[in-house]
């Protein structure tokens, strides 16, 4: 679905700086929010971010690995590889 209210625009240095600033200032930025602030499509925002090697991710909490965890993990990995091989 195309947004007919917006005109096709070219990516300028000013636009790129604006988009990057939005993502630096917002703790949880949104491409749609940034696109509305810059008056460009959210796909333009995605392209700017992609060109600057920004990638989408969600932070995840993980458990701590302890020194005693290593051998059981190695044992499991070797067992699993043996099962795959044969």
PDB file of N, CA and C in Angstrom:
ATOM      1  N   UNK A   1       0.840  -1.170   0.000  1.00  0.00           N
ATOM      2  CA  UNK A   1       0.000   0.000   0.000  1.00  0.00           C
ATOM      3  C   UNK A   1       0.887   1.236   0.000  1.00  0.00           C
ATOM      4  N   UNK A   2       0.649   2.141  -0.896  1.00  0.00           N
ATOM      5  CA  UNK A   2       1.457   3.346  -1.016  1.00  0.00           C
ATOM      6  C   UNK A   2       0.812   4.504  -0.268  1.00  0.00           C
ATOM      7  N   UNK A   3       1.657   5.314   0.317  1.00  0.00           N
ATOM      8  CA  UNK A   3       1.174   6.512   1.001  1.00  0.00           C
ATOM      9  C   UNK A   3       1.169   7.637  -0.024  1.00  0.00           C
ATOM     10  N   UNK A   4       0.009   8.048  -0.448  1.00  0.00           N
ATOM     11  CA  UNK A   4      -0.101   9.043  -1.514  1.00  0.00           C
ATOM     12  C   UNK A   4       0.174  10.461  -1.041  1.00  0.00           C
ATOM     13  N   UNK A   5       0.262  10.674   0.276  1.00  0.00           N
ATOM     14  CA  UNK A   5       0.508  12.024   0.784  1.00  0.00           C
ATOM     15  C   UNK A   5       1.984  12.407   0.728  1.00  0.00           C
ATOM     16  N   UNK A   6       2.832  11.421   0.621  1.00  0.00           N
ATOM     17  CA  UNK A   6       4.260  11.701   0.597  1.00  0.00           C
ATOM     18  C   UNK A   6       4.763  11.705  -0.833  1.00  0.00           C
ATOM     19  N   UNK A   7       5.683  12.588  -1.092  1.00  0.00           N
ATOM     20  CA  UNK A   7       6.276  12.631  -2.424  1.00  0.00           C
ATOM     21  C   UNK A   7       7.572  11.849  -2.408  1.00  0.00           C
ATOM     22  N   UNK A   8       7.963  11.387  -3.560  1.00  0.00           N
ATOM     23  CA  UNK A   8       9.210  10.653  -3.679  1.00  0.00           C
ATOM     24  C   UNK A   8      10.352  11.619  -3.405  1.00  0.00           C
ATOM     25  N   UNK A   9      11.254  11.215  -2.539  1.00  0.00           N
ATOM     26  CA  UNK A   9      12.369  12.095  -2.205  1.00  0.00           C
ATOM     27  C   UNK A   9      13.675  11.335  -2.334  1.00  0.00           C
ATOM     28  N   UNK A  10      14.730  12.077  -2.504  1.00  0.00           N
ATOM     29  CA  UNK A  10      16.033  11.441  -2.579  1.00  0.00           C
ATOM     30  C   UNK A  10      16.666  11.479  -1.199  1.00  0.00           C
ATOM     31  N   UNK A  11      17.515  10.501  -0.962  1.00  0.00           N
ATOM     32  CA  UNK A  11      18.203  10.468   0.323  1.00  0.00           C
ATOM     33  C   UNK A  11      19.310  11.503   0.302  1.00  0.00           C
ATOM     34  N   UNK A  12      19.228  12.414   1.212  1.00  0.00           N
ATOM     35  CA  UNK A  12      20.253  13.447   1.320  1.00  0.00           C
ATOM     36  C   UNK A  12      21.059  13.202   2.583  1.00  0.00           C
ATOM     37  N   UNK A  13      22.190  13.859   2.671  1.00  0.00           N
ATOM     38  CA  UNK A  13      23.013  13.762   3.869  1.00  0.00           C
ATOM     39  C   UNK A  13      22.228  14.257   5.080  1.00  0.00           C
ATOM     40  N   UNK A  14      21.450  15.317   4.868  1.00  0.00           N
ATOM     41  CA  UNK A  14      20.630  15.869   5.955  1.00  0.00           C
ATOM     42  C   UNK A  14      19.616  14.836   6.450  1.00  0.00           C
ATOM     43  N   UNK A  15      18.978  14.132   5.512  1.00  0.00           N
ATOM     44  CA  UNK A  15      18.011  13.104   5.886  1.00  0.00           C
ATOM     45  C   UNK A  15      18.699  11.981   6.661  1.00  0.00           C
ATOM     46  N   UNK A  16      19.842  11.526   6.173  1.00  0.00           N
ATOM     47  CA  UNK A  16      20.567  10.453   6.853  1.00  0.00           C
ATOM     48  C   UNK A  16      20.940  10.863   8.269  1.00  0.00           C
ATOM     49  N   UNK A  17      21.428  12.082   8.435  1.00  0.00           N
ATOM     50  CA  UNK A  17      21.790  12.571   9.766  1.00  0.00           C
ATOM     51  C   UNK A  17      20.564  12.634  10.671  1.00  0.00           C
ATOM     52  N   UNK A  18      19.446  13.078  10.116  1.00  0.00           N
ATOM     53  CA  UNK A  18      18.205  13.168  10.889  1.00  0.00           C
ATOM     54  C   UNK A  18      17.767  11.781  11.374  1.00  0.00           C
ATOM     55  N   UNK A  19      17.783  10.811  10.476  1.00  0.00           N
ATOM     56  CA  UNK A  19      17.363   9.450  10.825  1.00  0.00           C
ATOM     57  C   UNK A  19      18.297   8.867  11.885  1.00  0.00           C
ATOM     58  N   UNK A  20      19.593   9.013  11.690  1.00  0.00           N
ATOM     59  CA  UNK A  20      20.548   8.465  12.656  1.00  0.00           C
ATOM     60  C   UNK A  20      20.407   9.137  14.017  1.00  0.00           C
ATOM     61  N   UNK A  21      20.152  10.436  14.014  1.00  0.00           N
ATOM     62  CA  UNK A  21      19.949  11.165  15.273  1.00  0.00           C
ATOM     63  C   UNK A  21      18.711  10.632  15.999  1.00  0.00           C
ATOM     64  N   UNK A  22      17.637  10.371  15.245  1.00  0.00           N
ATOM     65  CA  UNK A  22      16.417   9.806  15.843  1.00  0.00           C
ATOM     66  C   UNK A  22      16.730   8.496  16.567  1.00  0.00           C
ATOM     67  N   UNK A  23      17.550   7.660  15.934  1.00  0.00           N
ATOM     68  CA  UNK A  23      17.848   6.356  16.513  1.00  0.00           C
ATOM     69  C   UNK A  23      18.851   6.445  17.653  1.00  0.00           C
ATOM     70  N   UNK A  24      19.650   7.487  17.699  1.00  0.00           N
ATOM     71  CA  UNK A  24      20.562   7.681  18.825  1.00  0.00           C
ATOM     72  C   UNK A  24      19.819   8.233  20.031  1.00  0.00           C
ATOM     73  N   UNK A  25      18.827   9.087  19.804  1.00  0.00           N
ATOM     74  CA  UNK A  25      18.117   9.756  20.896  1.00  0.00           C
ATOM     75  C   UNK A  25      17.005   8.902  21.497  1.00  0.00           C
ATOM     76  N   UNK A  26      16.435   8.011  20.728  1.00  0.00           N
ATOM     77  CA  UNK A  26      15.316   7.189  21.200  1.00  0.00           C
ATOM     78  C   UNK A  26      15.851   5.905  21.836  1.00  0.00           C
ATOM     79  N   UNK A  27      15.393   5.554  23.020  1.00  0.00           N
ATOM     80  CA  UNK A  27      15.843   4.298  23.620  1.00  0.00           C
ATOM     81  C   UNK A  27      15.335   3.075  22.852  1.00  0.00           C
ATOM     82  N   UNK A  28      14.123   3.144  22.323  1.00  0.00           N
ATOM     83  CA  UNK A  28      13.564   2.057  21.518  1.00  0.00           C
ATOM     84  C   UNK A  28      12.956   2.662  20.260  1.00  0.00           C
ATOM     85  N   UNK A  29      13.789   2.962  19.288  1.00  0.00           N
ATOM     86  CA  UNK A  29      13.299   3.664  18.097  1.00  0.00           C
ATOM     87  C   UNK A  29      12.417   2.783  17.215  1.00  0.00           C
ATOM     88  N   UNK A  30      11.614   3.442  16.410  1.00  0.00           N
ATOM     89  CA  UNK A  30      10.728   2.772  15.471  1.00  0.00           C
ATOM     90  C   UNK A  30      10.968   3.384  14.096  1.00  0.00           C
ATOM     91  N   UNK A  31      11.047   2.548  13.068  1.00  0.00           N
ATOM     92  CA  UNK A  31      11.232   3.087  11.722  1.00  0.00           C
ATOM     93  C   UNK A  31      10.026   3.912  11.304  1.00  0.00           C
ATOM     94  N   UNK A  32       8.862   3.525  11.766  1.00  0.00           N
ATOM     95  CA  UNK A  32       7.654   4.292  11.412  1.00  0.00           C
ATOM     96  C   UNK A  32       7.663   5.660  12.081  1.00  0.00           C
ATOM     97  N   UNK A  33       8.067   5.720  13.344  1.00  0.00           N
ATOM     98  CA  UNK A  33       8.140   7.004  14.040  1.00  0.00           C
ATOM     99  C   UNK A  33       9.180   7.905  13.383  1.00  0.00           C
ATOM    100  N   UNK A  34      10.333   7.337  13.060  1.00  0.00           N
ATOM    101  CA  UNK A  34      11.390   8.116  12.409  1.00  0.00           C
ATOM    102  C   UNK A  34      10.940   8.590  11.036  1.00  0.00           C
ATOM    103  N   UNK A  35      10.187   7.753  10.318  1.00  0.00           N
ATOM    104  CA  UNK A  35       9.729   8.151   8.981  1.00  0.00           C
ATOM    105  C   UNK A  35       8.715   9.284   9.061  1.00  0.00           C
ATOM    106  N   UNK A  36       7.859   9.239  10.077  1.00  0.00           N
ATOM    107  CA  UNK A  36       6.886  10.322  10.250  1.00  0.00           C
ATOM    108  C   UNK A  36       7.589  11.628  10.606  1.00  0.00           C
ATOM    109  N   UNK A  37       8.612  11.555  11.450  1.00  0.00           N
ATOM    110  CA  UNK A  37       9.343  12.758  11.853  1.00  0.00           C
ATOM    111  C   UNK A  37      10.086  13.376  10.671  1.00  0.00           C
ATOM    112  N   UNK A  38      10.577  12.535   9.757  1.00  0.00           N
ATOM    113  CA  UNK A  38      11.333  13.030   8.605  1.00  0.00           C
ATOM    114  C   UNK A  38      10.457  13.229   7.377  1.00  0.00           C
ATOM    115  N   UNK A  39       9.192  12.805   7.459  1.00  0.00           N
ATOM    116  CA  UNK A  39       8.254  12.889   6.344  1.00  0.00           C
ATOM    117  C   UNK A  39       8.746  12.125   5.110  1.00  0.00           C
ATOM    118  N   UNK A  40       9.224  10.907   5.371  1.00  0.00           N
ATOM    119  CA  UNK A  40       9.627   9.994   4.295  1.00  0.00           C
ATOM    120  C   UNK A  40       9.004   8.634   4.601  1.00  0.00           C
ATOM    121  N   UNK A  41       9.065   7.726   3.661  1.00  0.00           N
ATOM    122  CA  UNK A  41       8.498   6.398   3.889  1.00  0.00           C
ATOM    123  C   UNK A  41       9.366   5.627   4.883  1.00  0.00           C
ATOM    124  N   UNK A  42       8.756   4.661   5.546  1.00  0.00           N
ATOM    125  CA  UNK A  42       9.544   3.880   6.501  1.00  0.00           C
ATOM    126  C   UNK A  42      10.577   3.027   5.776  1.00  0.00           C
ATOM    127  N   UNK A  43      10.326   2.692   4.517  1.00  0.00           N
ATOM    128  CA  UNK A  43      11.319   1.940   3.744  1.00  0.00           C
ATOM    129  C   UNK A  43      12.559   2.784   3.475  1.00  0.00           C
ATOM    130  N   UNK A  44      12.382   4.085   3.300  1.00  0.00           N
ATOM    131  CA  UNK A  44      13.536   4.973   3.138  1.00  0.00           C
ATOM    132  C   UNK A  44      14.368   4.949   4.408  1.00  0.00           C
ATOM    133  N   UNK A  45      13.700   4.952   5.557  1.00  0.00           N
ATOM    134  CA  UNK A  45      14.417   4.874   6.836  1.00  0.00           C
ATOM    135  C   UNK A  45      15.176   3.553   6.921  1.00  0.00           C
ATOM    136  N   UNK A  46      14.532   2.443   6.527  1.00  0.00           N
ATOM    137  CA  UNK A  46      15.209   1.144   6.528  1.00  0.00           C
ATOM    138  C   UNK A  46      16.447   1.178   5.633  1.00  0.00           C
ATOM    139  N   UNK A  47      16.331   1.799   4.472  1.00  0.00           N
ATOM    140  CA  UNK A  47      17.468   1.859   3.545  1.00  0.00           C
ATOM    141  C   UNK A  47      18.617   2.670   4.126  1.00  0.00           C
ATOM    142  N   UNK A  48      18.294   3.784   4.770  1.00  0.00           N
ATOM    143  CA  UNK A  48      19.332   4.608   5.412  1.00  0.00           C
ATOM    144  C   UNK A  48      20.030   3.785   6.492  1.00  0.00           C
ATOM    145  N   UNK A  49      19.250   3.116   7.319  1.00  0.00           N
ATOM    146  CA  UNK A  49      19.833   2.320   8.400  1.00  0.00           C
ATOM    147  C   UNK A  49      20.664   1.161   7.858  1.00  0.00           C
ATOM    148  N   UNK A  50      20.165   0.516   6.812  1.00  0.00           N
ATOM    149  CA  UNK A  50      20.905  -0.591   6.211  1.00  0.00           C
ATOM    150  C   UNK A  50      22.225  -0.142   5.618  1.00  0.00           C
ATOM    151  N   UNK A  51      22.234   1.033   5.009  1.00  0.00           N
ATOM    152  CA  UNK A  51      23.464   1.563   4.422  1.00  0.00           C
ATOM    153  C   UNK A  51      24.500   1.881   5.495  1.00  0.00           C
ATOM    154  N   UNK A  52      24.030   2.147   6.709  1.00  0.00           N
ATOM    155  CA  UNK A  52      24.932   2.458   7.826  1.00  0.00           C
ATOM    156  C   UNK A  52      25.181   1.229   8.703  1.00  0.00           C
ATOM    157  N   UNK A  53      24.824   0.052   8.193  1.00  0.00           N
ATOM    158  CA  UNK A  53      25.022  -1.228   8.887  1.00  0.00           C
ATOM    159  C   UNK A  53      24.268  -1.355  10.202  1.00  0.00           C
ATOM    160  N   UNK A  54      23.137  -0.667  10.326  1.00  0.00           N
ATOM    161  CA  UNK A  54      22.260  -0.876  11.471  1.00  0.00           C
ATOM    162  C   UNK A  54      21.409  -2.093  11.144  1.00  0.00           C
ATOM    163  N   UNK A  55      21.251  -2.983  12.089  1.00  0.00           N
ATOM    164  CA  UNK A  55      20.451  -4.179  11.875  1.00  0.00           C
ATOM    165  C   UNK A  55      19.414  -4.305  12.987  1.00  0.00           C
ATOM    166  N   UNK A  56      18.232  -4.817  12.655  1.00  0.00           N
ATOM    167  CA  UNK A  56      17.211  -4.983  13.694  1.00  0.00           C
ATOM    168  C   UNK A  56      17.597  -6.096  14.661  1.00  0.00           C
ATOM    169  N   UNK A  57      17.335  -5.877  15.915  1.00  0.00           N
ATOM    170  CA  UNK A  57      17.551  -6.910  16.919  1.00  0.00           C
ATOM    171  C   UNK A  57      16.720  -6.599  18.149  1.00  0.00           C
ATOM    172  N   UNK A  58      16.535  -7.610  18.948  1.00  0.00           N
ATOM    173  CA  UNK A  58      15.884  -7.459  20.244  1.00  0.00           C
ATOM    174  C   UNK A  58      16.863  -7.972  21.282  1.00  0.00           C
ATOM    175  N   UNK A  59      17.148  -7.178  22.293  1.00  0.00           N
ATOM    176  CA  UNK A  59      18.053  -7.602  23.352  1.00  0.00           C
ATOM    177  C   UNK A  59      17.454  -8.797  24.079  1.00  0.00           C
ATOM    178  N   UNK A  60      18.314  -9.754  24.401  1.00  0.00           N
ATOM    179  CA  UNK A  60      17.859 -10.950  25.097  1.00  0.00           C
ATOM    180  C   UNK A  60      18.710 -11.170  26.338  1.00  0.00           C
ATOM    181  N   UNK A  61      18.061 -11.571  27.392  1.00  0.00           N
ATOM    182  CA  UNK A  61      18.789 -11.934  28.599  1.00  0.00           C
ATOM    183  C   UNK A  61      19.196 -13.396  28.466  1.00  0.00           C
ATOM    184  N   UNK A  62      20.416 -13.702  28.840  1.00  0.00           N
ATOM    185  CA  UNK A  62      20.902 -15.080  28.796  1.00  0.00           C
ATOM    186  C   UNK A  62      21.509 -15.431  30.146  1.00  0.00           C
ATOM    187  N   UNK A  63      21.613 -16.717  30.404  1.00  0.00           N
ATOM    188  CA  UNK A  63      22.181 -17.138  31.685  1.00  0.00           C
ATOM    189  C   UNK A  63      23.706 -17.102  31.620  1.00  0.00           C
ATOM    190  N   UNK A  64      24.328 -17.030  32.781  1.00  0.00           N
ATOM    191  CA  UNK A  64      25.787 -17.035  32.864  1.00  0.00           C
ATOM    192  C   UNK A  64      26.305 -18.449  32.654  1.00  0.00           C
ATOM    193  N   UNK A  65      27.419 -18.553  31.937  1.00  0.00           N
ATOM    194  CA  UNK A  65      28.087 -19.841  31.802  1.00  0.00           C
ATOM    195  C   UNK A  65      29.174 -19.913  32.863  1.00  0.00           C
ATOM    196  N   UNK A  66      29.249 -21.042  33.500  1.00  0.00           N
ATOM    197  CA  UNK A  66      30.249 -21.244  34.544  1.00  0.00           C
ATOM    198  C   UNK A  66      31.311 -22.209  34.031  1.00  0.00           C
ATOM    199  N   UNK A  67      32.452 -22.243  34.686  1.00  0.00           N
ATOM    200  CA  UNK A  67      33.536 -23.137  34.276  1.00  0.00           C
ATOM    201  C   UNK A  67      33.082 -24.594  34.302  1.00  0.00           C
ATOM    202  N   UNK A  68      32.199 -24.931  35.221  1.00  0.00           N
ATOM    203  CA  UNK A  68      31.722 -26.317  35.323  1.00  0.00           C
ATOM    204  C   UNK A  68      30.748 -26.686  34.203  1.00  0.00           C
ATOM    205  N   UNK A  69      30.310 -25.724  33.437  1.00  0.00           N
ATOM    206  CA  UNK A  69      29.384 -25.988  32.329  1.00  0.00           C
ATOM    207  C   UNK A  69      30.093 -26.502  31.080  1.00  0.00           C
ATOM    208  N   UNK A  70      31.397 -26.274  30.980  1.00  0.00           N
ATOM    209  CA  UNK A  70      32.097 -26.562  29.730  1.00  0.00           C
ATOM    210  C   UNK A  70      32.068 -28.046  29.364  1.00  0.00           C
ATOM    211  N   UNK A  71      32.467 -28.938  30.262  1.00  0.00           N
ATOM    212  CA  UNK A  71      32.556 -30.353  29.906  1.00  0.00           C
ATOM    213  C   UNK A  71      31.203 -30.959  29.544  1.00  0.00           C
ATOM    214  N   UNK A  72      30.143 -30.708  30.293  1.00  0.00           N
ATOM    215  CA  UNK A  72      28.839 -31.244  29.857  1.00  0.00           C
ATOM    216  C   UNK A  72      28.416 -30.721  28.483  1.00  0.00           C
ATOM    217  N   UNK A  73      28.751 -29.501  28.174  1.00  0.00           N
ATOM    218  CA  UNK A  73      28.399 -28.954  26.857  1.00  0.00           C
ATOM    219  C   UNK A  73      29.208 -29.631  25.755  1.00  0.00           C
ATOM    220  N   UNK A  74      30.493 -29.862  26.010  1.00  0.00           N
ATOM    221  CA  UNK A  74      31.341 -30.563  25.043  1.00  0.00           C
ATOM    222  C   UNK A  74      30.825 -31.985  24.845  1.00  0.00           C
ATOM    223  N   UNK A  75      30.511 -32.667  25.948  1.00  0.00           N
ATOM    224  CA  UNK A  75      29.991 -34.038  25.856  1.00  0.00           C
ATOM    225  C   UNK A  75      28.710 -34.085  25.028  1.00  0.00           C
ATOM    226  N   UNK A  76      27.802 -33.171  25.293  1.00  0.00           N
ATOM    227  CA  UNK A  76      26.552 -33.143  24.542  1.00  0.00           C
ATOM    228  C   UNK A  76      26.818 -32.885  23.060  1.00  0.00           C
ATOM    229  N   UNK A  77      27.709 -31.936  22.764  1.00  0.00           N
ATOM    230  CA  UNK A  77      28.009 -31.602  21.365  1.00  0.00           C
ATOM    231  C   UNK A  77      28.595 -32.798  20.635  1.00  0.00           C
ATOM    232  N   UNK A  78      29.513 -33.502  21.287  1.00  0.00           N
ATOM    233  CA  UNK A  78      30.114 -34.682  20.651  1.00  0.00           C
ATOM    234  C   UNK A  78      29.069 -35.776  20.443  1.00  0.00           C
ATOM    235  N   UNK A  79      28.212 -35.996  21.433  1.00  0.00           N
ATOM    236  CA  UNK A  79      27.143 -36.988  21.299  1.00  0.00           C
ATOM    237  C   UNK A  79      26.227 -36.633  20.131  1.00  0.00           C
ATOM    238  N   UNK A  80      25.866 -35.362  20.042  1.00  0.00           N
ATOM    239  CA  UNK A  80      24.966 -34.915  18.983  1.00  0.00           C
ATOM    240  C   UNK A  80      25.607 -35.092  17.605  1.00  0.00           C
ATOM    241  N   UNK A  81      26.886 -34.742  17.481  1.00  0.00           N
ATOM    242  CA  UNK A  81      27.581 -34.904  16.199  1.00  0.00           C
ATOM    243  C   UNK A  81      27.680 -36.377  15.808  1.00  0.00           C
ATOM    244  N   UNK A  82      27.887 -37.252  16.780  1.00  0.00           N
ATOM    245  CA  UNK A  82      27.928 -38.689  16.492  1.00  0.00           C
ATOM    246  C   UNK A  82      26.572 -39.180  15.993  1.00  0.00           C
ATOM    247  N   UNK A  83      25.509 -38.677  16.577  1.00  0.00           N
ATOM    248  CA  UNK A  83      24.160 -39.062  16.137  1.00  0.00           C
ATOM    249  C   UNK A  83      23.907 -38.603  14.705  1.00  0.00           C
ATOM    250  N   UNK A  84      24.391 -37.399  14.371  1.00  0.00           N
ATOM    251  CA  UNK A  84      24.206 -36.899  13.006  1.00  0.00           C
ATOM    252  C   UNK A  84      25.000 -37.718  12.002  1.00  0.00           C
ATOM    253  N   UNK A  85      26.195 -38.134  12.390  1.00  0.00           N
ATOM    254  CA  UNK A  85      27.077 -38.861  11.479  1.00  0.00           C
ATOM    255  C   UNK A  85      26.597 -40.288  11.230  1.00  0.00           C
ATOM    256  N   UNK A  86      25.895 -40.838  12.175  1.00  0.00           N
ATOM    257  CA  UNK A  86      25.629 -42.182  11.881  1.00  0.00           C
ATOM    258  C   UNK A  86      24.613 -42.997  12.411  1.00  0.00           C
TER     259      UNK A  86
END
